[in-house]
N, C-alpha and C. Protein backbone atom coordinates (compact mmCIF):
# COMPACT_ATOMS: atom_id res chain seq x y z
N MET A 1 -7.87 -41.08 -24.00
CA MET A 1 -8.17 -41.70 -23.04
C MET A 1 -9.31 -41.11 -23.10
N ILE A 2 -10.34 -42.11 -22.10
CA ILE A 2 -11.15 -42.19 -22.08
C ILE A 2 -12.02 -40.73 -20.61
N VAL A 3 -13.00 -40.57 -20.61
CA VAL A 3 -13.45 -39.49 -19.17
C VAL A 3 -14.72 -40.45 -19.31
N SER A 4 -14.90 -40.83 -17.96
CA SER A 4 -16.82 -41.24 -17.53
C SER A 4 -17.26 -39.75 -17.31
N ALA A 5 -18.48 -39.95 -17.23
CA ALA A 5 -19.49 -39.19 -17.20
C ALA A 5 -19.20 -38.48 -15.80
N GLU A 6 -19.11 -39.37 -14.47
CA GLU A 6 -18.65 -39.08 -13.08
C GLU A 6 -17.42 -38.54 -13.23
N GLU A 7 -16.48 -38.54 -13.70
CA GLU A 7 -15.22 -37.70 -13.58
C GLU A 7 -15.46 -36.28 -14.12
N GLN A 8 -16.15 -35.85 -15.36
CA GLN A 8 -16.02 -35.08 -16.08
C GLN A 8 -17.15 -34.13 -15.11
N ARG A 9 -18.18 -34.51 -14.34
CA ARG A 9 -19.03 -34.00 -13.08
C ARG A 9 -17.76 -33.54 -12.44
N ALA A 10 -17.07 -34.27 -11.69
CA ALA A 10 -16.29 -34.15 -10.70
C ALA A 10 -15.11 -33.26 -11.57
N LEU A 11 -14.69 -32.43 -12.56
CA LEU A 11 -14.05 -32.16 -13.06
C LEU A 11 -14.56 -30.36 -13.01
N ALA A 12 -16.04 -30.91 -13.33
CA ALA A 12 -16.91 -29.40 -13.86
C ALA A 12 -16.77 -28.85 -12.03
N MET A 13 -17.39 -29.79 -11.38
CA MET A 13 -17.05 -28.67 -9.83
C MET A 13 -15.99 -28.24 -9.28
N THR A 14 -14.91 -28.94 -9.84
CA THR A 14 -13.64 -28.45 -9.12
C THR A 14 -13.69 -27.43 -9.87
N ALA A 15 -13.54 -26.91 -11.26
CA ALA A 15 -13.59 -26.09 -11.79
C ALA A 15 -14.08 -24.59 -11.92
N GLU A 16 -15.83 -24.90 -11.36
CA GLU A 16 -16.55 -24.09 -10.62
C GLU A 16 -15.95 -23.72 -9.38
N ARG A 17 -15.87 -24.32 -8.83
CA ARG A 17 -15.40 -23.90 -7.48
C ARG A 17 -14.56 -23.29 -7.29
N ALA A 18 -13.61 -23.52 -8.02
CA ALA A 18 -12.31 -22.61 -8.14
C ALA A 18 -12.79 -21.20 -8.89
N GLU A 19 -13.43 -21.14 -10.04
CA GLU A 19 -13.92 -20.21 -10.15
C GLU A 19 -14.78 -19.26 -8.99
N LEU A 20 -15.55 -19.71 -8.38
CA LEU A 20 -16.37 -19.44 -7.34
C LEU A 20 -15.03 -18.40 -6.28
N LEU A 21 -14.20 -19.29 -5.85
CA LEU A 21 -13.00 -18.86 -4.90
C LEU A 21 -12.08 -17.42 -5.57
N GLU A 22 -12.00 -17.76 -6.69
CA GLU A 22 -11.24 -16.76 -7.43
C GLU A 22 -11.56 -15.16 -7.12
N ALA A 23 -12.92 -15.08 -6.94
CA ALA A 23 -12.83 -13.86 -6.97
C ALA A 23 -12.70 -13.31 -5.22
N PRO A 24 -12.88 -13.96 -4.43
CA PRO A 24 -12.85 -13.84 -2.79
C PRO A 24 -11.50 -13.70 -3.00
N LEU A 25 -11.05 -14.55 -3.31
CA LEU A 25 -9.01 -14.93 -3.02
C LEU A 25 -8.71 -13.66 -3.84
N ARG A 26 -8.66 -12.90 -4.59
CA ARG A 26 -8.39 -11.66 -5.76
C ARG A 26 -8.52 -10.49 -4.74
N ALA A 27 -9.71 -10.25 -4.40
CA ALA A 27 -10.09 -9.32 -3.67
C ALA A 27 -8.68 -9.32 -2.47
N VAL A 28 -8.61 -10.46 -1.29
CA VAL A 28 -7.87 -10.24 -0.42
C VAL A 28 -6.67 -9.81 -0.97
N GLU A 29 -5.94 -10.12 -2.02
CA GLU A 29 -4.65 -10.01 -2.51
C GLU A 29 -4.40 -8.85 -3.27
N ASP A 30 -5.67 -8.34 -3.57
CA ASP A 30 -5.34 -6.55 -4.11
C ASP A 30 -5.46 -5.58 -2.99
N GLN A 31 -6.00 -6.17 -1.80
CA GLN A 31 -6.18 -5.51 -0.72
C GLN A 31 -4.77 -5.13 0.26
N LEU A 32 -4.48 -6.45 0.61
CA LEU A 32 -3.44 -7.03 0.94
C LEU A 32 -1.95 -5.28 -0.24
N THR A 33 -2.18 -5.61 -1.55
CA THR A 33 -1.22 -4.81 -2.35
C THR A 33 -1.38 -3.34 -1.82
N ALA A 34 -2.58 -3.18 -1.52
CA ALA A 34 -3.16 -1.70 -1.26
C ALA A 34 -1.96 -1.16 0.07
N LEU A 35 -2.74 -2.48 0.88
CA LEU A 35 -2.19 -1.97 2.52
C LEU A 35 -0.35 -2.21 2.36
N GLY A 36 -0.11 -2.41 1.47
CA GLY A 36 2.01 -2.25 1.19
C GLY A 36 2.07 -1.35 1.02
N VAL A 37 1.49 -0.41 -0.33
CA VAL A 37 1.46 0.41 -0.49
C VAL A 37 1.33 1.90 0.18
N ALA A 38 0.01 1.53 0.86
CA ALA A 38 -0.19 2.57 2.09
C ALA A 38 0.64 2.87 2.96
N LEU A 39 0.88 1.73 3.59
CA LEU A 39 2.42 1.62 4.57
C LEU A 39 3.67 2.03 3.97
N HIS A 40 4.10 1.94 2.75
CA HIS A 40 5.21 2.73 2.23
C HIS A 40 5.02 3.85 1.74
N ARG A 41 3.94 4.68 1.87
CA ARG A 41 3.79 5.88 1.69
C ARG A 41 3.68 6.46 2.92
N GLN A 42 3.23 5.84 3.65
CA GLN A 42 3.11 6.10 5.37
C GLN A 42 1.82 7.44 5.48
N ASP A 43 0.76 6.63 4.48
CA ASP A 43 -0.74 7.62 4.69
C ASP A 43 -1.29 6.94 5.68
N ALA A 44 -1.63 7.73 7.27
CA ALA A 44 -2.40 6.73 8.16
C ALA A 44 -3.96 6.81 7.98
N ALA A 45 -4.59 7.50 6.52
CA ALA A 45 -5.78 7.94 6.35
C ALA A 45 -5.92 6.29 5.54
N ALA A 46 -4.89 6.59 4.47
CA ALA A 46 -4.91 5.35 3.66
C ALA A 46 -5.21 3.66 4.26
N VAL A 47 -4.31 3.64 5.46
CA VAL A 47 -3.74 2.41 5.58
C VAL A 47 -5.27 2.37 6.52
N GLU A 48 -5.96 2.68 7.35
CA GLU A 48 -7.10 2.66 8.20
C GLU A 48 -7.78 2.43 7.46
N GLN A 49 -8.49 2.80 6.34
CA GLN A 49 -9.45 2.38 5.44
C GLN A 49 -9.20 1.04 4.94
N VAL A 50 -7.81 1.04 4.15
CA VAL A 50 -7.67 -0.11 3.38
C VAL A 50 -7.26 -1.82 4.40
N ALA A 51 -6.90 -1.73 5.64
CA ALA A 51 -7.10 -2.08 6.34
C ALA A 51 -8.54 -3.00 6.79
N ALA A 52 -9.48 -1.83 7.09
CA ALA A 52 -10.49 -2.16 6.71
C ALA A 52 -11.53 -3.44 5.72
N GLU A 53 -10.86 -2.68 4.95
CA GLU A 53 -11.39 -3.33 3.73
C GLU A 53 -10.96 -4.33 3.18
N LEU A 54 -9.69 -4.55 3.64
CA LEU A 54 -8.43 -6.08 4.02
C LEU A 54 -9.44 -7.13 4.78
N HIS A 55 -9.67 -6.62 5.74
CA HIS A 55 -10.57 -7.40 6.67
C HIS A 55 -12.01 -7.41 5.84
N ALA A 56 -12.82 -6.61 5.91
CA ALA A 56 -13.97 -7.45 5.24
C ALA A 56 -13.97 -8.43 3.95
N ALA A 57 -12.47 -8.20 3.08
CA ALA A 57 -12.66 -9.33 2.19
C ALA A 57 -11.95 -10.25 3.09
N LEU A 58 -10.86 -10.39 3.74
CA LEU A 58 -10.52 -11.65 4.69
C LEU A 58 -11.87 -12.23 4.79
N ALA A 59 -12.41 -11.66 5.59
CA ALA A 59 -13.69 -12.70 6.22
C ALA A 59 -14.75 -13.11 4.80
N ALA A 60 -14.85 -12.38 4.11
CA ALA A 60 -15.11 -13.04 3.05
C ALA A 60 -14.47 -14.23 2.11
N ALA A 61 -13.52 -14.14 2.44
CA ALA A 61 -12.89 -15.06 1.37
C ALA A 61 -12.74 -16.17 2.58
N VAL A 62 -12.73 -16.17 3.90
CA VAL A 62 -12.35 -17.74 4.89
C VAL A 62 -14.19 -18.10 4.71
N ASP A 63 -14.90 -17.26 4.36
CA ASP A 63 -16.37 -17.52 4.36
C ASP A 63 -16.71 -18.50 3.18
N HIS A 64 -15.64 -18.04 1.85
CA HIS A 64 -16.07 -18.77 1.10
C HIS A 64 -15.29 -20.30 0.66
N PHE A 65 -14.39 -20.07 1.45
CA PHE A 65 -13.19 -21.43 1.25
C PHE A 65 -13.92 -22.38 2.13
N THR A 66 -14.44 -21.89 3.82
CA THR A 66 -14.61 -23.08 4.20
C THR A 66 -15.75 -23.49 3.86
N ARG A 67 -16.97 -22.71 3.00
CA ARG A 67 -18.29 -23.30 2.42
C ARG A 67 -17.80 -24.14 1.66
N ALA A 68 -16.83 -23.71 0.45
CA ALA A 68 -16.39 -24.97 -0.21
C ALA A 68 -15.48 -26.07 0.15
N ALA A 69 -14.87 -25.97 1.61
CA ALA A 69 -13.77 -26.85 1.95
C ALA A 69 -15.22 -28.21 2.63
N LYS A 70 -16.28 -27.93 2.49
CA LYS A 70 -17.40 -28.44 3.60
C LYS A 70 -17.77 -29.18 2.37
N SER A 71 -18.31 -28.84 1.16
CA SER A 71 -19.15 -29.23 0.24
C SER A 71 -17.94 -29.91 -1.41
N GLY A 72 -16.70 -30.44 -0.69
CA GLY A 72 -16.02 -31.11 -2.16
C GLY A 72 -14.70 -31.05 -1.64
N GLY A 73 -14.32 -29.89 -0.96
CA GLY A 73 -12.56 -29.27 -1.12
C GLY A 73 -12.19 -28.52 -1.78
N VAL A 74 -10.83 -27.22 -1.60
CA VAL A 74 -10.65 -26.89 -1.83
C VAL A 74 -9.51 -27.02 -3.00
N PRO A 75 -9.45 -26.72 -4.15
CA PRO A 75 -8.24 -26.87 -5.43
C PRO A 75 -6.71 -26.59 -4.48
N SER A 76 -6.14 -26.95 -4.99
CA SER A 76 -4.69 -26.77 -4.02
C SER A 76 -3.99 -25.52 -4.23
N PRO A 77 -4.13 -25.41 -5.76
CA PRO A 77 -3.74 -23.86 -5.98
C PRO A 77 -4.33 -22.93 -5.28
N LEU A 78 -5.23 -22.80 -4.63
CA LEU A 78 -6.31 -21.91 -4.67
C LEU A 78 -5.33 -21.98 -3.01
N ARG A 79 -5.83 -23.22 -2.42
CA ARG A 79 -5.29 -23.12 -0.78
C ARG A 79 -3.81 -22.89 -0.49
N GLN A 80 -3.09 -22.92 -1.59
CA GLN A 80 -1.86 -22.12 -1.15
C GLN A 80 -1.69 -21.17 -1.48
N ARG A 81 -2.39 -20.70 -2.06
CA ARG A 81 -2.57 -18.84 -2.66
C ARG A 81 -3.28 -18.52 -1.37
N LEU A 82 -4.15 -19.05 -0.79
CA LEU A 82 -4.62 -18.21 0.61
C LEU A 82 -3.65 -18.29 1.91
N ALA A 83 -3.02 -19.68 1.85
CA ALA A 83 -2.08 -19.54 2.84
C ALA A 83 -0.80 -18.38 2.64
N LEU A 84 -0.56 -18.17 1.20
CA LEU A 84 0.39 -17.34 1.16
C LEU A 84 0.13 -15.68 1.16
N ALA A 85 -1.08 -15.66 1.28
CA ALA A 85 -1.79 -14.64 1.37
C ALA A 85 -2.11 -14.31 2.90
N GLY A 86 -2.05 -15.31 3.96
CA GLY A 86 -2.13 -15.10 5.28
C GLY A 86 -0.58 -14.93 5.69
N GLY A 87 0.03 -15.64 5.19
CA GLY A 87 1.48 -15.38 5.55
C GLY A 87 2.20 -13.73 5.30
N GLN A 88 0.83 -13.18 4.13
CA GLN A 88 1.64 -11.94 3.98
C GLN A 88 1.12 -10.57 5.14
N VAL A 89 -0.22 -11.21 5.16
CA VAL A 89 -1.04 -10.68 6.60
C VAL A 89 -0.35 -10.23 7.88
N ALA A 90 0.60 -11.39 7.87
CA ALA A 90 1.32 -11.97 9.40
C ALA A 90 2.61 -11.01 8.91
N ALA A 91 3.37 -10.60 7.71
CA ALA A 91 4.71 -10.15 7.56
C ALA A 91 4.01 -9.05 7.77
N GLN A 92 3.05 -8.39 7.30
CA GLN A 92 2.72 -6.43 7.67
C GLN A 92 2.42 -6.45 8.63
N ARG A 93 1.63 -7.28 9.86
CA ARG A 93 1.56 -7.39 10.71
C ARG A 93 2.87 -7.08 11.86
N GLU A 94 3.57 -7.83 11.44
CA GLU A 94 5.02 -7.77 12.41
C GLU A 94 5.43 -6.62 11.74
N ALA A 95 5.19 -6.09 10.71
CA ALA A 95 6.10 -4.96 10.44
C ALA A 95 5.67 -3.59 10.84
N LEU A 96 4.32 -3.96 10.93
CA LEU A 96 3.67 -2.35 11.57
C LEU A 96 4.03 -2.37 13.44
N ALA A 97 3.78 -3.75 13.78
CA ALA A 97 4.48 -4.18 15.43
C ALA A 97 5.51 -3.25 15.55
N ARG A 98 6.28 -3.47 14.79
CA ARG A 98 7.58 -3.16 14.95
C ARG A 98 8.14 -1.82 14.88
N ALA A 99 7.17 -0.95 13.77
CA ALA A 99 7.17 -0.05 13.58
C ALA A 99 7.00 0.77 14.51
N THR A 100 5.47 0.54 15.49
CA THR A 100 5.06 1.17 16.68
C THR A 100 5.97 0.75 17.80
N ALA A 101 6.67 0.19 17.92
CA ALA A 101 7.54 -0.48 18.91
C ALA A 101 8.57 1.13 18.95
N SER A 102 9.13 0.87 17.54
CA SER A 102 10.20 1.83 17.39
C SER A 102 9.61 3.39 17.61
N LEU A 103 8.22 3.73 17.02
CA LEU A 103 7.91 5.15 17.36
C LEU A 103 7.68 5.28 19.05
N ASP A 104 7.41 4.29 19.65
CA ASP A 104 7.14 4.53 21.10
C ASP A 104 9.01 4.31 21.74
N ARG A 105 9.55 4.19 21.27
CA ARG A 105 10.96 4.07 21.84
C ARG A 105 11.57 5.69 21.72
N ALA A 106 11.15 6.05 20.19
CA ALA A 106 11.36 7.37 19.78
C ALA A 106 10.65 8.61 20.77
N ILE A 107 9.62 7.84 21.13
CA ILE A 107 8.79 9.40 22.12
C ILE A 107 9.16 8.90 23.54
N ASP A 108 9.64 7.68 24.30
CA ASP A 108 10.27 8.03 25.15
C ASP A 108 11.46 8.33 25.48
N VAL A 109 12.23 8.50 24.54
CA VAL A 109 13.69 9.49 24.53
C VAL A 109 13.24 10.65 24.28
N LEU A 110 12.75 11.22 23.38
CA LEU A 110 11.95 12.73 23.41
C LEU A 110 10.88 12.92 24.79
N ILE A 111 10.46 12.12 25.40
CA ILE A 111 9.32 12.59 26.49
C ILE A 111 9.87 11.49 27.81
N PRO A 112 10.91 11.84 28.57
CA PRO A 112 11.10 10.45 29.43
C PRO A 112 9.94 10.59 30.02
N ARG A 113 9.85 9.26 30.49
CA ARG A 113 8.91 8.91 31.48
C ARG A 113 9.47 9.08 32.63
N LEU A 114 8.95 9.41 34.32
CA LEU A 114 9.37 9.59 35.36
C LEU A 114 9.32 8.12 35.31
N ALA A 115 10.40 7.94 36.50
CA ALA A 115 10.56 6.24 37.10
C ALA A 115 9.49 6.04 38.02
N ALA A 116 9.29 4.25 37.20
CA ALA A 116 8.63 3.59 38.71
C ALA A 116 6.78 4.62 39.87
N THR A 117 6.60 5.57 38.43
CA THR A 117 5.17 6.22 38.69
C THR A 117 4.27 5.33 39.33
N GLY A 118 4.07 4.78 38.09
CA GLY A 118 3.18 3.42 38.59
C GLY A 118 1.44 4.21 38.33
N VAL A 119 1.67 5.46 37.94
CA VAL A 119 0.48 6.33 37.36
C VAL A 119 -0.37 5.72 36.41
N TYR A 120 -1.75 5.48 36.15
CA TYR A 120 -2.47 5.53 34.59
C TYR A 120 -2.82 6.82 34.04
N SER A 121 -2.86 6.95 33.54
CA SER A 121 -3.63 8.12 32.19
C SER A 121 -5.50 7.42 32.72
N PRO A 122 -6.33 7.97 32.30
CA PRO A 122 -7.84 7.93 31.69
C PRO A 122 -7.75 6.83 30.87
N ALA A 123 -6.67 6.97 29.61
CA ALA A 123 -6.94 6.09 28.74
C ALA A 123 -6.54 4.75 28.74
N GLY A 124 -5.28 4.71 30.04
CA GLY A 124 -5.02 3.27 30.33
C GLY A 124 -3.38 3.30 30.46
N ALA A 125 -2.81 4.32 29.64
CA ALA A 125 -1.36 4.21 29.36
C ALA A 125 -0.61 4.84 30.38
N THR A 126 0.34 4.82 30.89
CA THR A 126 1.12 4.86 31.75
C THR A 126 1.53 6.51 31.21
N GLU A 127 1.02 7.61 32.28
CA GLU A 127 1.73 9.15 31.97
C GLU A 127 2.90 9.73 31.94
N ARG A 128 3.01 10.26 30.58
CA ARG A 128 4.16 10.96 30.22
C ARG A 128 4.15 12.34 31.10
N HIS A 129 5.46 12.31 31.91
CA HIS A 129 5.53 13.32 32.52
C HIS A 129 6.99 14.04 32.00
N SER A 130 7.09 15.18 32.61
CA SER A 130 8.15 15.65 32.30
C SER A 130 9.37 15.89 33.54
N ASN A 131 10.29 15.16 33.65
CA ASN A 131 11.20 15.56 35.19
C ASN A 131 11.92 17.15 34.73
N GLY A 132 11.91 17.94 33.89
CA GLY A 132 12.52 19.24 33.54
C GLY A 132 13.38 19.32 32.78
N HIS A 133 14.20 18.11 32.36
CA HIS A 133 15.13 18.03 31.29
C HIS A 133 14.36 18.55 30.11
N GLY A 134 14.85 19.78 29.67
CA GLY A 134 14.63 20.20 27.94
C GLY A 134 13.36 20.36 28.38
N SER A 135 12.35 20.98 28.86
CA SER A 135 11.16 21.69 29.04
C SER A 135 11.60 22.82 28.91
N LEU A 136 10.41 23.14 28.12
CA LEU A 136 10.26 25.06 27.96
C LEU A 136 9.01 25.45 28.91
N MET A 137 9.57 26.69 29.71
CA MET A 137 8.74 27.61 30.51
C MET A 137 8.31 28.76 29.70
N ALA A 138 6.48 29.13 29.32
CA ALA A 138 6.96 30.46 29.08
C ALA A 138 7.07 31.40 29.79
C-alpha cells in the first residue's frame, strides 16, 4: 500500500498532536489517582493539596485539548481518556459530597439544632445551640 505525502503529513501531525496531549492528560490521571489515595487515607491536608494540583492539571489539559481541537482534532483514544478522567472527577466529587452529608448528619445527631430558630451565624450557616440534653456544665 502506497501512502501519499499528504497522508504521511496528516499521520505525522496526528502523532505529534497525540504526543503533545499525552503529558497534560497523564498529569490529570496521576492527580486523580493521588486524590483517590488521599481520600482513602482521610488525609485532609493531602486532599487539599492534590485537589489544587488536580485543578491546575485539568485547566492545562482543557487548554491543550481546546487548542488541538481547533487545529485539526483530537485523536479518539485521547478523547476517550479525557472523558474517562472527567467521569472520575465527577465520581470523586459525588463521593466527597456523600461523605460531607453523612458527616453533617452525624454532627446534627450529636449537636442538635433548635427547631425553627432561623438564626444565622456570622459564617452564614445556621447556628447550633444545645437544648440542654447531654450538655455538660462546669
